[in-house]
Amino acid sequence: MLRACAALSCWKAWPPRAGSLAGGNGFPYSLAMSSHKSSPAGAATKPSASHTPDHDKILIVDFGSQVTQLIARRVREMGVYSEIVPFQSAEAAFKKMNPKAVILSGGPASVLDGNAPAAPQTIFDSGLPVLGICYGEQTMAQQLGGKVEGGHHREFGRAEVEILDDAPLFAGVWKRGGKYPVWMSHGDRVTVLPKGFRVLGKAPNSPIAIIGDDTRRYYAMQFHPEVYHTPDGAKLLQNFVLKVSGAKADWSMRAFREEAIERIRAQVGKGRVICGLSGGVDSSVAALLIHEAIGEQLTCVFVDHGLLRLNEAKTVVDLFRNHYNIPLVHADASEKFLRELKGVTDPEQKRKIIGKLFIDVFEAEAKKIGGAEFLAQGTLYPDVIESVSFTGGPSVTIKSHHNVGGLPARMNMKLVEPLRELFKDEVRKLGKELGLPDVFVGRHPFPGPGLAIRCPGEVTKEALDILRLADAIYLDEIRKAGLYDEIWQAFAVILPVKTVGVMGDGRTYDHVLGLRAVTSVDGMTADFYPFDMKFLGQVATRIINEVKGVNRVVYDVTSKPPGTIEWE
């Protein structure tokens, strides 16, 4: 049984793979997914020491919580740089990073187990502020001389904490005697305080829900302040980071841009760089940043697999070749991809075929260019984190990953990954900083495998043509209604079934098209967008009238979980 800080029930489908949340980041799949042997360059996928020596930093020690990334995002939203490291390497990272404070994440283990993970004693000996969250509270309490017990009533989901005393952590947010909603997920709980601590808050099933030692600036809480379901959680984290630890909010996209350009120049020197450009936000921002740093030393290779949205390939070529004047090779391999996908219906197999062929086409184009020493990718921080297993063992594959992986050994190139410290929303901010149009930067996420995973069953030219046009109509209506920016992601899916219909005086037997639109704060959970039925009827009418081969339209009202955002 998971007793301490058990998996949050509303995040059961974690980890979300980039194919379901954020696509188009350079190579659309893990390079390691191919049959090629990985080179040492591909091993550079673990979280690295911070490249921000002149900024205050917060170290987050990961004990395996499904929502540790949210802690880092909340801290960065304050303008303070944060970095996540697994507990196994936390001591080395702590010494190298020299942070202003440390946050201990939640996790699925129990401190009562013999091999339970723990925080390095070095952290507690340092005199720096420490914040424990859920499992982080329990290991802090036990390591500092308190007591944790299991077997009590477990607490999952919404709860209410009552504030028993004032503390710097609550300044301007919570008052003594007040009761406030939080999100719990635990089985074990602290029953005896360590020396120097006092109880700051309690909950119905957690008599010691919040604890603090003001002298040592140690605070801990049984609930999760980082999640959306704890309304004041971000403010509590802000109090800890800015007031308790005194960290300066001096980390911005402008600062990142300047520092990243210097790092790229230092790494590349006079060498040549090839960038795998997909047309998605991440690879596009990476290409612009690198081009700003080294100019004509960069050549982009756009592998057009024929699985993009309507007119998207032309848009990518026009934007980068004509508007930004970046050297660009457009490799149209759409017919080759379709041939390889013929008869394939398994979604994971589709991803592997596309991933391997993508690499083959890219490699062939790279050889034609010749002389490049470096390969640029739009790898993001979630890609890096999710590729490092918390336990060091295998992780469950929900969908094949992309970007983080080994290079084909024969390519013998070094990786340039200027975005590997950023989250998706930060990449969008950087894109705006670099001058990318808002309509481009603000586009909904698009999966690396493209429309192939929006064609359940076999991918055919007919299905792709139908899907492209229907999807364009759907998004056009969403934009006309002024709803595009309210929606996290919207798209159409062509289903592998046909239904009987009537058009005019004739009987039809045509495709069913599914519409999907979801709202989300961070992509970890999602709910369907509550369109007005009149709007849906209008979209369905346009699609059926304008797209030959469709006679029925349905709307997906599944949340995540239990579903995923994408269908495959």
Protein backbone atom coordinates (compact mmCIF):
# COMPACT_ATOMS: atom_id res chain seq x y z
CA MET A 1 0.00 0.00 0.00
CA LEU A 2 1.19 3.53 -0.74
CA ARG A 3 0.95 5.11 2.65
CA ALA A 4 2.86 8.36 2.92
CA CYS A 5 2.07 10.75 0.12
CA ALA A 6 0.17 8.47 -2.20
CA ALA A 7 -0.37 9.11 -5.87
CA LEU A 8 -2.86 11.92 -6.28
CA SER A 9 -6.01 10.30 -7.56
CA CYS A 10 -6.68 13.07 -10.05
CA TRP A 11 -3.26 12.58 -11.63
CA LYS A 12 -3.34 8.81 -12.10
CA ALA A 13 -2.40 9.01 -15.75
CA TRP A 14 0.98 10.57 -14.96
CA PRO A 15 3.53 10.94 -16.45
CA PRO A 16 1.97 12.80 -19.36
CA ARG A 17 4.11 12.21 -22.40
CA ALA A 18 4.90 15.07 -24.66
CA GLY A 19 2.90 13.46 -27.44
CA SER A 20 -0.20 14.12 -25.35
CA LEU A 21 0.61 17.56 -24.04
CA ALA A 22 3.15 19.37 -26.14
CA GLY A 23 4.37 18.39 -29.52
CA GLY A 24 6.35 19.71 -32.40
CA ASN A 25 9.57 20.11 -30.43
CA GLY A 26 12.18 19.33 -33.04
CA PHE A 27 12.50 15.56 -33.35
CA PRO A 28 8.99 14.24 -32.77
CA TYR A 29 10.06 11.17 -30.83
CA SER A 30 12.88 9.94 -28.69
CA LEU A 31 15.84 9.34 -30.93
CA ALA A 32 16.42 6.25 -28.84
CA MET A 33 13.17 4.84 -30.18
CA SER A 34 14.93 3.98 -33.41
CA SER A 35 16.98 0.85 -33.94
CA HIS A 36 20.17 2.90 -33.95
CA LYS A 37 22.68 2.53 -31.20
CA SER A 38 22.87 5.58 -28.97
CA SER A 39 26.01 7.66 -28.78
CA PRO A 40 27.36 9.28 -25.62
CA ALA A 41 25.82 12.54 -26.76
CA GLY A 42 22.40 11.06 -26.24
CA ALA A 43 23.23 10.27 -22.64
CA ALA A 44 23.12 13.95 -21.75
CA THR A 45 19.50 13.71 -20.68
CA LYS A 46 19.69 13.98 -16.91
CA PRO A 47 18.90 17.25 -15.17
CA SER A 48 22.11 19.25 -15.26
CA ALA A 49 23.56 21.78 -12.90
CA SER A 50 22.06 25.22 -13.28
CA HIS A 51 23.39 27.55 -15.97
CA THR A 52 22.20 30.55 -13.95
CA PRO A 53 25.15 31.33 -11.63
CA ASP A 54 24.17 34.98 -11.13
CA HIS A 55 20.60 34.31 -9.99
CA ASP A 56 19.18 33.16 -6.68
CA LYS A 57 18.01 29.58 -6.99
CA ILE A 58 15.65 27.19 -5.24
CA LEU A 59 16.53 23.48 -5.18
CA ILE A 60 13.60 21.05 -5.29
CA VAL A 61 14.37 17.54 -4.10
CA ASP A 62 12.11 15.07 -5.88
CA PHE A 63 10.80 12.09 -3.93
CA GLY A 64 8.66 10.89 -6.81
CA SER A 65 5.52 12.99 -6.57
CA GLN A 66 3.43 13.12 -9.70
CA VAL A 67 3.23 16.90 -9.37
CA THR A 68 6.78 17.90 -8.47
CA GLN A 69 7.01 19.83 -11.73
CA LEU A 70 4.27 22.12 -10.50
CA ILE A 71 6.44 23.23 -7.59
CA ALA A 72 9.16 24.34 -9.99
CA ARG A 73 6.65 26.11 -12.21
CA ARG A 74 5.09 27.97 -9.29
CA VAL A 75 8.51 29.15 -8.12
CA ARG A 76 9.55 30.26 -11.60
CA GLU A 77 6.30 32.17 -11.99
CA MET A 78 7.55 34.34 -9.11
CA GLY A 79 10.67 35.20 -11.12
CA VAL A 80 12.96 32.89 -9.15
CA TYR A 81 14.89 30.13 -10.88
CA SER A 82 14.21 26.62 -9.56
CA GLU A 83 15.56 23.22 -10.47
CA ILE A 84 14.42 19.66 -9.70
CA VAL A 85 16.82 16.86 -8.80
CA PRO A 86 16.08 13.25 -7.73
CA PHE A 87 16.75 12.62 -4.06
CA GLN A 88 19.57 10.22 -4.98
CA SER A 89 21.66 13.04 -6.46
CA ALA A 90 20.40 15.85 -4.23
CA GLU A 91 23.55 16.19 -2.12
CA ALA A 92 25.84 16.72 -5.10
CA ALA A 93 23.35 19.09 -6.73
CA PHE A 94 22.97 21.03 -3.49
CA LYS A 95 26.72 21.61 -3.21
CA LYS A 96 27.03 22.60 -6.86
CA MET A 97 23.93 24.75 -7.08
CA ASN A 98 24.37 26.81 -3.89
CA PRO A 99 20.62 27.52 -3.55
CA LYS A 100 18.89 30.06 -1.35
CA ALA A 101 16.47 27.42 -0.03
CA VAL A 102 15.34 23.83 -0.50
CA ILE A 103 11.89 22.36 -1.07
CA LEU A 104 11.26 18.66 -0.37
CA SER A 105 8.56 17.26 -2.65
CA GLY A 106 5.87 14.71 -2.02
CA GLY A 107 6.26 11.08 -3.02
CA PRO A 108 4.61 7.65 -3.06
CA ALA A 109 6.86 5.96 -0.47
CA SER A 110 6.42 5.65 3.29
CA VAL A 111 9.07 6.88 5.70
CA LEU A 112 8.22 3.78 7.76
CA ASP A 113 9.73 1.49 5.13
CA GLY A 114 13.26 0.30 5.71
CA ASN A 115 14.58 1.68 2.44
CA ALA A 116 12.57 4.90 2.44
CA PRO A 117 14.18 7.82 0.60
CA ALA A 118 15.49 10.66 2.73
CA ALA A 119 16.82 14.17 2.32
CA PRO A 120 20.61 14.57 2.55
CA GLN A 121 21.67 15.61 6.04
CA THR A 122 23.85 18.24 4.37
CA ILE A 123 20.70 20.23 3.62
CA PHE A 124 19.65 20.37 7.27
CA ASP A 125 23.21 21.18 8.37
CA SER A 126 23.46 24.11 5.96
CA GLY A 127 21.34 26.60 7.88
CA LEU A 128 19.21 27.29 4.80
CA PRO A 129 15.40 27.45 4.85
CA VAL A 130 13.65 24.15 4.04
CA LEU A 131 10.03 23.54 3.07
CA GLY A 132 8.59 20.01 3.23
CA ILE A 133 5.49 19.05 1.24
CA CYS A 134 3.51 15.89 2.11
CA TYR A 135 6.17 13.15 2.09
CA GLY A 136 8.65 16.00 2.45
CA GLU A 137 7.00 16.94 5.74
CA GLN A 138 7.16 13.38 6.98
CA THR A 139 10.79 12.76 6.14
CA MET A 140 11.75 16.16 7.59
CA ALA A 141 9.93 15.38 10.83
CA GLN A 142 11.42 11.90 11.16
CA GLN A 143 14.96 12.93 10.21
CA LEU A 144 14.90 15.76 12.76
CA GLY A 145 13.71 13.58 15.65
CA GLY A 146 9.94 13.57 15.32
CA LYS A 147 7.65 10.60 14.77
CA VAL A 148 5.52 9.46 11.83
CA GLU A 149 2.84 6.80 12.09
CA GLY A 150 0.78 4.86 9.57
CA GLY A 151 -2.53 3.03 9.85
CA HIS A 152 -4.57 6.17 10.39
CA HIS A 153 -7.50 7.23 8.25
CA ARG A 154 -6.17 8.11 4.83
CA GLU A 155 -6.93 11.50 3.34
CA PHE A 156 -7.25 12.04 -0.42
CA GLY A 157 -8.66 15.04 -2.20
CA ARG A 158 -10.24 18.19 -0.84
CA ALA A 159 -9.84 18.98 2.84
CA GLU A 160 -9.86 21.99 5.11
CA VAL A 161 -7.03 23.20 7.33
CA GLU A 162 -7.53 25.33 10.41
CA ILE A 163 -4.73 27.78 11.19
CA LEU A 164 -3.70 27.53 14.86
CA ASP A 165 -0.97 30.15 15.01
CA ASP A 166 0.62 32.92 12.97
CA ALA A 167 3.78 32.31 10.94
CA PRO A 168 5.82 34.06 8.23
CA LEU A 169 4.55 31.40 5.83
CA PHE A 170 0.99 32.74 6.20
CA ALA A 171 1.76 36.48 5.99
CA GLY A 172 -0.98 38.27 4.07
CA VAL A 173 -2.63 34.96 3.15
CA TRP A 174 -3.99 33.02 6.12
CA LYS A 175 -4.99 34.19 9.60
CA ARG A 176 -5.05 32.39 12.93
CA GLY A 177 -8.44 30.80 13.47
CA GLY A 178 -9.29 30.73 9.79
CA LYS A 179 -10.21 27.62 7.83
CA TYR A 180 -9.01 27.19 4.25
CA PRO A 181 -9.42 24.61 1.45
CA VAL A 182 -6.42 22.45 0.49
CA TRP A 183 -5.66 19.26 -1.42
CA MET A 184 -4.53 16.22 0.59
CA SER A 185 -3.06 12.91 -0.52
CA HIS A 186 -1.57 10.82 2.26
CA GLY A 187 -1.85 7.78 4.50
CA ASP A 188 0.96 8.31 7.04
CA ARG A 189 1.02 11.40 9.22
CA VAL A 190 3.27 13.18 11.70
CA THR A 191 2.30 12.37 15.30
CA VAL A 192 5.24 13.75 17.32
CA LEU A 193 6.97 17.04 16.54
CA PRO A 194 10.73 17.36 16.24
CA LYS A 195 12.40 19.59 18.83
CA GLY A 196 11.98 23.29 18.07
CA PHE A 197 8.82 22.88 15.96
CA ARG A 198 5.28 24.02 16.71
CA VAL A 199 1.95 23.05 15.18
CA LEU A 200 0.70 25.76 12.86
CA GLY A 201 -2.37 24.08 11.40
CA LYS A 202 -4.57 21.02 11.64
CA ALA A 203 -7.01 19.14 9.41
CA PRO A 204 -9.74 16.61 10.24
CA ASN A 205 -7.45 13.64 9.62
CA SER A 206 -4.14 15.42 10.18
CA PRO A 207 -3.87 16.91 13.69
CA ILE A 208 -0.38 18.06 12.71
CA ALA A 209 -1.04 19.30 9.19
CA ILE A 210 1.35 22.28 9.18
CA ILE A 211 4.49 22.61 11.27
CA GLY A 212 7.22 25.22 11.60
CA ASP A 213 10.49 26.11 13.29
CA ASP A 214 10.82 29.87 12.86
CA THR A 215 14.38 29.97 14.21
CA ARG A 216 15.77 27.53 11.65
CA ARG A 217 13.24 28.63 8.99
CA TYR A 218 11.92 25.09 8.55
CA TYR A 219 8.30 24.71 7.49
CA ALA A 220 6.28 21.74 6.30
CA MET A 221 2.73 20.89 5.35
CA GLN A 222 0.81 17.68 4.79
CA PHE A 223 -1.14 19.06 1.83
CA HIS A 224 0.00 20.06 -1.67
CA PRO A 225 0.26 23.86 -2.09
CA GLU A 226 1.52 23.50 -5.66
CA VAL A 227 -1.71 22.13 -7.13
CA TYR A 228 -4.58 24.14 -8.52
CA HIS A 229 -6.95 22.59 -5.97
CA THR A 230 -5.20 24.45 -3.12
CA PRO A 231 -6.39 27.98 -3.99
CA ASP A 232 -3.88 29.86 -1.80
CA GLY A 233 -1.03 27.44 -2.36
CA ALA A 234 0.94 29.62 -4.77
CA LYS A 235 0.85 32.49 -2.26
CA LEU A 236 2.20 30.22 0.50
CA LEU A 237 5.03 29.11 -1.77
CA GLN A 238 5.72 32.74 -2.63
CA ASN A 239 5.98 33.62 1.04
CA PHE A 240 8.49 30.85 1.57
CA VAL A 241 10.59 31.69 -1.47
CA LEU A 242 10.56 35.49 -1.33
CA LYS A 243 10.06 36.28 2.37
CA VAL A 244 11.37 33.33 4.35
CA SER A 245 14.36 32.57 2.12
CA GLY A 246 14.84 36.11 0.83
CA ALA A 247 15.40 34.99 -2.76
CA LYS A 248 15.49 37.74 -5.39
CA ALA A 249 12.92 37.59 -8.18
CA ASP A 250 15.45 38.36 -10.91
CA TRP A 251 14.94 35.50 -13.35
CA SER A 252 13.13 36.57 -16.53
CA MET A 253 12.89 35.56 -20.17
CA ARG A 254 14.96 38.56 -21.16
CA ALA A 255 17.73 37.46 -18.80
CA PHE A 256 17.42 33.88 -19.99
CA ARG A 257 17.65 34.97 -23.61
CA GLU A 258 20.87 36.90 -23.06
CA GLU A 259 22.47 34.14 -21.02
CA ALA A 260 21.38 31.40 -23.44
CA ILE A 261 22.90 33.26 -26.40
CA GLU A 262 26.23 33.48 -24.60
CA ARG A 263 26.10 29.77 -23.72
CA ILE A 264 25.33 28.81 -27.33
CA ARG A 265 28.23 30.90 -28.62
CA ALA A 266 30.57 29.42 -26.04
CA GLN A 267 29.51 25.85 -26.86
CA VAL A 268 29.45 26.13 -30.63
CA GLY A 269 32.32 28.51 -31.30
CA LYS A 270 32.80 28.62 -35.07
CA GLY A 271 31.15 25.24 -35.62
CA ARG A 272 28.06 24.56 -37.71
CA VAL A 273 24.69 23.55 -36.28
CA ILE A 274 21.79 21.63 -37.82
CA CYS A 275 18.37 22.08 -36.23
CA GLY A 276 15.57 19.58 -36.66
CA LEU A 277 12.66 21.93 -37.28
CA SER A 278 9.15 20.56 -36.97
CA GLY A 279 7.25 23.83 -37.16
CA GLY A 280 6.05 23.49 -33.57
CA VAL A 281 6.62 26.19 -30.97
CA ASP A 282 9.56 24.53 -29.21
CA SER A 283 11.76 23.76 -32.19
CA SER A 284 10.89 27.13 -33.74
CA VAL A 285 11.90 29.06 -30.62
CA ALA A 286 15.10 27.00 -30.36
CA ALA A 287 15.94 27.77 -33.99
CA LEU A 288 15.36 31.51 -33.58
CA LEU A 289 17.43 31.64 -30.40
CA ILE A 290 20.34 29.76 -31.97
CA HIS A 291 20.15 31.85 -35.15
CA GLU A 292 20.32 35.01 -33.04
CA ALA A 293 23.43 33.60 -31.38
CA ILE A 294 25.38 32.26 -34.38
CA GLY A 295 23.59 33.47 -37.53
CA GLU A 296 24.54 31.67 -40.73
CA GLN A 297 26.29 28.88 -38.83
CA LEU A 298 22.80 27.38 -38.37
CA THR A 299 20.91 25.38 -40.98
CA CYS A 300 17.39 24.12 -40.26
CA VAL A 301 16.09 20.87 -41.70
CA PHE A 302 12.32 20.68 -41.91
CA VAL A 303 11.27 17.05 -42.36
CA ASP A 304 7.76 17.24 -43.78
CA HIS A 305 6.15 13.91 -42.94
CA GLY A 306 2.85 14.89 -44.52
CA LEU A 307 1.06 14.64 -41.17
CA LEU A 308 0.73 18.34 -40.47
CA ARG A 309 -2.36 20.53 -40.44
CA LEU A 310 -3.77 22.37 -43.45
CA ASN A 311 -1.11 24.53 -45.19
CA GLU A 312 1.20 24.19 -42.20
CA ALA A 313 4.25 23.08 -44.18
CA LYS A 314 3.99 26.16 -46.41
CA THR A 315 3.62 28.39 -43.35
CA VAL A 316 6.78 26.97 -41.76
CA VAL A 317 8.83 27.41 -44.93
CA ASP A 318 7.58 30.97 -45.49
CA LEU A 319 8.18 31.99 -41.88
CA PHE A 320 11.73 30.71 -41.51
CA ARG A 321 13.10 30.89 -45.03
CA ASN A 322 11.47 34.10 -46.22
CA HIS A 323 10.67 36.10 -43.05
CA TYR A 324 13.59 35.23 -40.77
CA ASN A 325 16.06 34.39 -43.58
CA ILE A 326 17.26 31.28 -41.77
CA PRO A 327 18.88 28.71 -44.08
CA LEU A 328 16.24 25.99 -44.40
CA VAL A 329 16.11 22.61 -46.12
CA HIS A 330 12.54 21.44 -46.80
CA ALA A 331 12.55 17.65 -47.09
CA ASP A 332 9.13 16.56 -48.36
CA ALA A 333 8.95 12.89 -47.40
CA SER A 334 5.16 12.65 -47.08
CA GLU A 335 4.76 9.83 -49.61
CA LYS A 336 7.49 7.79 -47.93
CA PHE A 337 5.80 8.13 -44.53
CA LEU A 338 2.42 7.10 -45.93
CA ARG A 339 3.94 3.98 -47.53
CA GLU A 340 5.55 2.92 -44.25
CA LEU A 341 2.29 3.48 -42.34
CA LYS A 342 0.14 1.48 -44.75
CA GLY A 343 -1.83 -1.19 -42.90
CA VAL A 344 -0.54 -0.13 -39.44
CA THR A 345 -3.24 0.43 -36.83
CA ASP A 346 -1.44 0.15 -33.47
CA PRO A 347 -0.75 3.70 -32.18
CA GLU A 348 2.56 2.83 -30.53
CA GLN A 349 3.76 1.15 -33.72
CA LYS A 350 2.77 4.24 -35.68
CA ARG A 351 4.94 6.37 -33.41
CA LYS A 352 7.92 4.08 -33.75
CA ILE A 353 7.66 3.94 -37.54
CA ILE A 354 7.36 7.70 -37.83
CA GLY A 355 10.16 8.27 -35.34
CA LYS A 356 12.62 5.97 -37.10
CA LEU A 357 11.77 7.27 -40.57
CA PHE A 358 12.04 10.86 -39.34
CA ILE A 359 15.58 10.16 -38.18
CA ASP A 360 16.48 8.41 -41.44
CA VAL A 361 15.24 11.33 -43.55
CA PHE A 362 16.90 13.88 -41.32
CA GLU A 363 20.19 12.00 -41.37
CA ALA A 364 20.14 11.81 -45.17
CA GLU A 365 19.59 15.57 -45.41
CA ALA A 366 22.29 16.24 -42.82
CA LYS A 367 24.79 14.28 -44.93
CA LYS A 368 23.94 16.42 -47.95
CA ILE A 369 24.68 19.57 -45.95
CA GLY A 370 27.88 18.16 -44.48
CA GLY A 371 30.32 19.71 -42.02
CA ALA A 372 27.91 20.17 -39.10
CA GLU A 373 29.30 19.32 -35.68
CA PHE A 374 26.19 20.06 -33.63
CA LEU A 375 22.54 19.01 -33.64
CA ALA A 376 19.99 21.40 -32.12
CA GLN A 377 16.80 20.13 -30.50
CA GLY A 378 13.84 21.77 -28.80
CA THR A 379 14.14 19.58 -25.69
CA LEU A 380 12.22 21.04 -22.72
CA TYR A 381 12.67 20.61 -18.99
CA PRO A 382 9.70 18.21 -18.62
CA ASP A 383 11.29 16.03 -21.33
CA VAL A 384 14.49 15.89 -19.31
CA ILE A 385 12.80 15.24 -15.97
CA GLU A 386 10.42 12.57 -17.29
CA SER A 387 13.30 10.71 -18.92
CA VAL A 388 14.98 10.18 -15.55
CA SER A 389 13.18 7.52 -13.53
CA PHE A 390 12.63 8.36 -9.86
CA THR A 391 13.60 4.82 -8.83
CA GLY A 392 16.31 4.34 -11.41
CA GLY A 393 14.29 1.54 -12.97
CA PRO A 394 11.92 1.31 -15.91
CA SER A 395 8.96 3.65 -16.15
CA VAL A 396 5.56 2.83 -17.58
CA THR A 397 5.26 3.96 -21.19
CA ILE A 398 1.97 5.74 -21.81
CA LYS A 399 3.15 7.06 -25.16
CA SER A 400 6.56 7.09 -26.77
CA HIS A 401 8.57 10.10 -25.73
CA HIS A 402 10.38 12.39 -28.06
CA ASN A 403 13.47 14.61 -28.08
CA VAL A 404 15.34 13.06 -25.18
CA GLY A 405 17.34 10.08 -26.29
CA GLY A 406 20.43 8.83 -28.06
CA LEU A 407 21.70 9.97 -31.40
CA PRO A 408 22.51 7.43 -34.08
CA ALA A 409 26.15 6.70 -33.30
CA ARG A 410 27.25 7.16 -36.90
CA MET A 411 26.05 10.78 -36.90
CA ASN A 412 28.72 11.65 -34.33
CA MET A 413 27.22 15.03 -33.41
CA LYS A 414 26.99 16.97 -30.17
CA LEU A 415 23.64 18.19 -28.88
CA VAL A 416 22.68 21.84 -28.52
CA GLU A 417 19.53 22.07 -26.38
CA PRO A 418 19.05 25.72 -25.37
CA LEU A 419 15.54 25.19 -23.96
CA ARG A 420 16.22 22.22 -21.70
CA GLU A 421 15.76 24.39 -18.58
CA LEU A 422 12.34 25.72 -19.62
CA PHE A 423 8.74 24.63 -19.25
CA LYS A 424 6.28 24.98 -22.13
CA ASP A 425 4.75 28.23 -20.94
CA GLU A 426 8.23 29.68 -20.52
CA VAL A 427 9.10 28.73 -24.09
CA ARG A 428 6.06 30.67 -25.27
CA LYS A 429 7.25 33.72 -23.31
CA LEU A 430 10.70 33.36 -24.83
CA GLY A 431 9.12 33.12 -28.28
CA LYS A 432 7.40 36.45 -27.73
CA GLU A 433 10.66 37.89 -26.45
CA LEU A 434 12.28 36.76 -29.72
CA GLY A 435 9.54 38.36 -31.80
CA LEU A 436 7.53 35.34 -32.93
CA PRO A 437 3.96 36.38 -33.80
CA ASP A 438 1.39 35.85 -31.04
CA VAL A 439 -0.75 33.73 -33.37
CA PHE A 440 2.21 31.36 -33.74
CA VAL A 441 3.44 31.36 -30.15
CA GLY A 442 -0.07 30.91 -28.77
CA ARG A 443 -0.98 27.92 -30.92
CA HIS A 444 -2.50 24.92 -29.21
CA PRO A 445 -0.13 21.99 -28.58
CA PHE A 446 0.33 19.68 -31.55
CA PRO A 447 1.62 16.10 -31.19
CA GLY A 448 4.95 15.09 -32.68
CA PRO A 449 3.36 12.21 -34.66
CA GLY A 450 0.99 14.77 -36.14
CA LEU A 451 -2.34 13.74 -37.55
CA ALA A 452 -1.30 10.07 -37.52
CA ILE A 453 -2.53 9.78 -33.94
CA ARG A 454 -5.74 11.59 -34.80
CA CYS A 455 -6.54 8.85 -37.30
CA PRO A 456 -7.33 5.83 -35.11
CA GLY A 457 -6.82 2.81 -37.31
CA GLU A 458 -4.93 2.95 -40.58
CA VAL A 459 -3.52 6.28 -41.76
CA THR A 460 -4.53 6.92 -45.37
CA LYS A 461 -4.31 9.90 -47.70
CA GLU A 462 -8.11 10.08 -47.81
CA ALA A 463 -8.37 10.18 -44.03
CA LEU A 464 -5.66 12.84 -43.75
CA ASP A 465 -7.27 15.04 -46.39
CA ILE A 466 -10.65 14.82 -44.66
CA LEU A 467 -9.13 15.44 -41.25
CA ARG A 468 -7.05 18.43 -42.36
CA LEU A 469 -10.01 20.29 -43.82
CA ALA A 470 -12.40 19.43 -41.00
CA ASP A 471 -9.83 20.45 -38.37
CA ALA A 472 -9.27 23.78 -40.14
CA ILE A 473 -13.01 24.50 -40.18
CA TYR A 474 -13.33 23.61 -36.49
CA LEU A 475 -10.46 25.89 -35.45
CA ASP A 476 -11.72 28.65 -37.73
CA GLU A 477 -15.09 28.61 -35.99
CA ILE A 478 -13.40 28.59 -32.57
CA ARG A 479 -11.33 31.64 -33.50
CA LYS A 480 -14.34 33.47 -34.95
CA ALA A 481 -16.19 32.88 -31.69
CA GLY A 482 -13.26 34.35 -29.72
CA LEU A 483 -12.76 31.09 -27.81
CA TYR A 484 -9.33 29.98 -29.02
CA ASP A 485 -7.35 31.38 -26.08
CA GLU A 486 -9.84 30.00 -23.55
CA ILE A 487 -9.12 26.46 -24.72
CA TRP A 488 -5.96 24.48 -23.93
CA GLN A 489 -6.24 22.29 -27.01
CA ALA A 490 -8.85 21.70 -29.72
CA PHE A 491 -8.72 19.31 -32.65
CA ALA A 492 -10.67 16.87 -34.79
CA VAL A 493 -10.32 13.08 -34.96
CA ILE A 494 -11.46 10.95 -37.89
CA LEU A 495 -12.89 7.70 -36.55
CA PRO A 496 -12.34 4.27 -38.14
CA VAL A 497 -16.09 3.75 -38.53
CA LYS A 498 -18.70 4.76 -41.07
CA THR A 499 -22.37 5.48 -40.53
CA VAL A 500 -25.47 5.75 -42.63
CA GLY A 501 -26.68 9.23 -43.46
CA VAL A 502 -29.03 11.07 -45.77
CA MET A 503 -27.95 13.96 -47.98
CA GLY A 504 -30.54 15.36 -50.30
CA ASP A 505 -32.59 12.40 -51.49
CA GLY A 506 -29.69 9.95 -51.31
CA ARG A 507 -28.29 7.54 -48.78
CA THR A 508 -24.69 8.03 -47.66
CA TYR A 509 -22.26 5.78 -45.87
CA ASP A 510 -19.44 8.05 -44.72
CA HIS A 511 -16.98 8.82 -41.94
CA VAL A 512 -17.68 9.96 -38.38
CA LEU A 513 -15.65 12.91 -37.16
CA GLY A 514 -14.98 13.48 -33.45
CA LEU A 515 -14.35 16.95 -32.04
CA ARG A 516 -12.22 17.44 -28.94
CA ALA A 517 -11.63 20.62 -26.92
CA VAL A 518 -10.26 20.74 -23.39
CA THR A 519 -9.52 23.29 -20.71
CA SER A 520 -6.52 22.87 -18.45
CA VAL A 521 -4.23 24.82 -16.16
CA ASP A 522 -1.13 22.74 -16.80
CA GLY A 523 -2.14 19.81 -19.01
CA MET A 524 -1.91 17.31 -16.17
CA THR A 525 -5.65 17.26 -15.73
CA ALA A 526 -8.16 18.44 -18.30
CA ASP A 527 -11.89 18.80 -18.74
CA PHE A 528 -13.94 19.15 -21.89
CA TYR A 529 -14.79 22.69 -22.96
CA PRO A 530 -18.53 23.39 -22.43
CA PHE A 531 -19.41 24.68 -25.88
CA ASP A 532 -22.86 26.06 -26.45
CA MET A 533 -24.91 23.48 -28.37
CA LYS A 534 -25.71 26.09 -31.01
CA PHE A 535 -21.98 26.50 -31.64
CA LEU A 536 -21.43 22.76 -31.97
CA GLY A 537 -24.37 22.50 -34.34
CA GLN A 538 -22.91 25.27 -36.47
CA VAL A 539 -19.49 23.55 -36.62
CA ALA A 540 -21.06 20.20 -37.48
CA THR A 541 -23.14 21.77 -40.25
CA ARG A 542 -20.11 23.45 -41.82
CA ILE A 543 -18.02 20.27 -41.69
CA ILE A 544 -20.72 18.07 -43.20
CA ASN A 545 -21.48 20.62 -45.91
CA GLU A 546 -17.86 21.43 -46.80
CA VAL A 547 -15.96 18.19 -46.20
CA LYS A 548 -16.76 15.41 -48.61
CA GLY A 549 -16.75 12.02 -46.89
CA VAL A 550 -18.19 13.05 -43.49
CA ASN A 551 -21.85 12.63 -42.60
CA ARG A 552 -21.75 12.62 -38.78
CA VAL A 553 -20.00 14.75 -36.15
CA VAL A 554 -19.72 13.93 -32.42
CA TYR A 555 -18.23 15.82 -29.45
CA ASP A 556 -15.92 14.18 -26.88
CA VAL A 557 -16.93 14.98 -23.28
CA THR A 558 -14.29 12.83 -21.54
CA SER A 559 -12.07 14.41 -18.90
CA LYS A 560 -8.43 13.56 -18.18
CA PRO A 561 -8.26 11.26 -16.33
CA PRO A 562 -9.77 8.78 -17.14
CA GLY A 563 -9.04 9.69 -20.76
CA THR A 564 -6.01 11.40 -22.24
CA ILE A 565 -6.15 14.62 -24.21
CA GLU A 566 -5.19 12.97 -27.49
CA TRP A 567 -7.02 9.85 -28.65
CA GLU A 568 -3.91 7.74 -29.37
